[in-house]
Protein backbone atom coordinates (compact mmCIF):
# COMPACT_ATOMS: atom_id res chain seq x y z
CA MET A 1 -1.76 -52.13 -7.80
CA HIS A 2 1.24 -50.63 -6.56
CA GLN A 3 0.29 -47.27 -8.15
CA GLY A 4 -3.08 -47.46 -6.50
CA LYS A 5 -1.23 -47.58 -3.14
CA ASN A 6 0.96 -44.51 -4.11
CA CYS A 7 -2.11 -42.51 -4.99
CA ASN A 8 -3.81 -43.19 -1.53
CA HIS A 9 -0.44 -42.35 0.31
CA GLN A 10 -0.26 -39.08 -1.69
CA ARG A 11 -3.74 -38.29 -0.95
CA ASN A 12 -3.32 -39.12 2.76
CA GLN A 13 -0.23 -37.02 2.82
CA GLY A 14 -2.13 -34.10 1.18
CA ASP A 15 -4.89 -34.38 3.70
CA GLN A 16 -2.33 -34.46 6.50
CA VAL A 17 -0.76 -31.23 5.09
CA SER A 18 -4.04 -29.43 4.82
CA LEU A 19 -4.88 -30.63 8.41
CA GLU A 20 -1.69 -29.47 9.97
CA TRP A 21 -1.75 -26.06 8.20
CA SER A 22 -5.43 -25.59 9.18
CA ARG A 23 -4.45 -26.15 12.66
CA LEU A 24 -1.54 -23.92 12.64
CA MET A 25 -3.86 -21.00 11.07
CA GLU A 26 -6.34 -21.72 13.97
CA ILE A 27 -3.30 -21.19 16.53
CA LEU A 28 -2.26 -17.96 14.78
CA ASN A 29 -5.92 -16.83 14.93
CA GLN A 30 -5.98 -17.50 18.60
CA TYR A 31 -2.77 -15.57 19.17
CA GLU A 32 -4.21 -12.65 17.07
CA CYS A 33 -7.35 -12.63 19.26
CA ALA A 34 -5.50 -12.89 22.49
CA SER A 35 -2.67 -10.41 21.78
CA ARG A 36 -4.80 -8.07 19.58
CA GLN A 37 -1.87 -8.26 16.86
CA VAL A 38 -2.57 -9.22 13.44
CA LEU A 39 -0.37 -11.10 11.06
CA ASN A 40 -0.07 -8.95 7.85
CA LYS A 41 -0.44 -11.58 5.10
CA GLU A 42 0.61 -9.24 2.51
CA LYS A 43 3.98 -8.81 4.07
CA SER A 44 4.41 -12.52 4.77
CA SER A 45 5.74 -15.36 2.67
CA ILE A 46 6.77 -18.93 2.88
CA TYR A 47 9.88 -20.46 1.52
CA PHE A 48 9.53 -24.05 0.20
CA ASN A 49 12.17 -26.63 0.04
CA LYS A 50 12.81 -27.75 -3.56
CA ASN A 51 11.59 -31.32 -2.61
CA THR A 52 8.22 -30.06 -1.39
CA PRO A 53 5.57 -31.28 -3.95
CA ASP A 54 3.67 -28.85 -5.89
CA GLU A 55 0.38 -29.85 -4.64
CA ASN A 56 1.39 -29.49 -1.09
CA LYS A 57 2.76 -25.95 -1.88
CA ARG A 58 -0.58 -24.92 -3.41
CA THR A 59 -2.58 -26.43 -0.45
CA ILE A 60 -0.29 -24.63 1.98
CA LEU A 61 -0.41 -21.10 0.24
CA GLN A 62 -4.23 -21.48 -0.13
CA ILE A 63 -4.73 -22.20 3.64
CA ALA A 64 -1.99 -19.79 4.90
CA GLY A 65 -3.25 -16.86 2.36
CA VAL A 66 0.27 -15.81 1.69
CA LYS A 67 2.65 -16.09 -1.12
CA ALA A 68 5.73 -18.09 -1.70
CA THR A 69 9.03 -16.65 -1.52
CA GLY A 70 12.46 -17.41 -3.39
CA THR A 71 15.98 -17.83 -2.26
CA PHE A 72 17.12 -14.60 -3.73
CA GLU A 73 14.58 -12.08 -2.23
CA ARG A 74 15.50 -9.43 0.17
CA TYR A 75 13.84 -7.94 3.02
CA LEU A 76 14.98 -4.57 4.57
CA GLY A 77 17.94 -4.78 2.37
CA HIS A 78 18.96 -8.15 3.79
CA PRO A 79 18.84 -11.57 2.12
CA THR A 80 16.13 -13.67 3.56
CA MET A 81 18.05 -16.95 2.95
CA VAL A 82 21.81 -17.21 3.49
CA GLY A 83 23.07 -20.30 1.97
CA ARG A 84 26.81 -21.53 1.71
CA LYS A 85 28.01 -18.53 -0.12
CA LYS A 86 27.94 -16.11 2.86
CA ASN A 87 30.54 -13.78 1.19
CA THR A 88 28.24 -13.18 -1.87
CA ALA A 89 25.13 -12.90 0.29
CA PHE A 90 26.71 -9.82 2.36
CA HIS A 91 28.68 -8.25 -0.51
CA GLY A 92 25.74 -5.68 -0.61
CA LEU A 93 26.52 -4.56 2.75
CA ILE A 94 30.26 -3.76 1.83
CA ASP A 95 28.78 -1.90 -1.18
CA ARG A 96 26.70 0.35 0.81
CA ILE A 97 29.39 1.13 3.18
CA TRP A 98 31.82 1.98 0.38
CA THR A 99 29.11 4.25 -1.24
CA ARG A 100 28.62 6.10 2.05
CA VAL A 101 32.28 6.32 2.66
CA THR A 102 33.09 7.83 -0.78
CA ARG A 103 29.99 10.08 -0.52
CA VAL A 104 30.76 11.42 3.19
CA THR A 105 34.56 11.72 2.23
CA ASN A 106 34.04 13.82 -0.94
CA ARG A 107 31.68 16.29 0.74
CA LYS A 108 31.99 16.99 4.40
CA THR A 109 35.45 15.76 5.70
CA ASN A 110 37.58 18.43 4.50
CA CYS A 111 36.54 20.89 7.14
CA LEU A 112 36.34 18.24 10.06
CA SER A 113 38.97 17.88 12.67
CA VAL A 114 40.25 14.45 13.48
CA ALA A 115 37.69 14.27 16.28
CA GLY A 116 34.92 15.37 13.87
CA LYS A 117 35.81 12.62 11.61
CA GLU A 118 35.81 9.90 14.39
CA VAL A 119 32.22 11.19 15.40
CA LEU A 120 31.19 10.80 11.90
CA ILE A 121 32.57 7.35 11.58
CA LYS A 122 30.89 6.15 14.89
CA SER A 123 27.68 7.82 14.23
CA VAL A 124 27.01 6.97 10.57
CA LEU A 125 29.32 4.53 9.07
CA GLN A 126 29.32 1.85 11.89
CA ALA A 127 25.48 2.23 11.99
CA ILE A 128 25.08 0.64 8.65
CA PRO A 129 26.27 -2.91 9.58
CA THR A 130 24.90 -2.96 13.06
CA TYR A 131 21.47 -4.07 12.20
CA THR A 132 22.81 -6.86 10.01
CA MET A 133 25.20 -7.92 12.51
CA GLY A 134 22.46 -8.19 15.00
CA ILE A 135 20.54 -10.72 12.95
CA PHE A 136 23.50 -12.70 11.10
CA LEU A 137 26.87 -13.95 12.07
CA LEU A 138 29.04 -12.36 9.56
CA PRO A 139 32.02 -14.33 7.91
CA LYS A 140 35.40 -13.06 9.33
CA SER A 141 36.27 -12.15 5.65
CA ILE A 142 33.41 -9.81 5.56
CA THR A 143 34.20 -8.09 8.88
CA ASP A 144 37.76 -7.87 7.73
CA ARG A 145 36.69 -5.86 4.51
CA LEU A 146 34.52 -3.67 6.65
CA ASP A 147 37.30 -2.75 9.05
CA LYS A 148 39.40 -2.24 6.14
CA LEU A 149 36.74 0.30 4.38
CA LEU A 150 36.67 2.15 7.78
CA ARG A 151 40.27 2.54 7.95
CA LYS A 152 40.56 3.89 4.46
CA PHE A 153 38.34 6.67 5.70
CA TRP A 154 41.34 8.23 7.46
């Protein structure tokens, strides 16, 4: 008898999930009509908690018409999820800046004055982390390493 109650509870929960997501999609549809902006479902994804039941995931993905995303995916070169290991998540940023520093240093800086080098640093190398810093609060250890890389340029 206890199992019967559990099955009814799961079915009711699944119906509730379906109803809530149907309402959400109606709201998005109204927004699209009012704003004349359309959600690009091919570029959209949903991240599910590991405790989300598989049946709920399937229901939501079917109603929303998008794909599920994992924790290690990247968008515009940035992590979509940043967990507790923030240093690991932003290590790619340091690698990109180091690559650019060494590439620029080897080619163009021999004939530049000190003022020219400063302009190059400010216009190119500092622009790389700007977008990331506008989205995420970087750990102090990452910003310290970025400063160290830019000082090595001189």
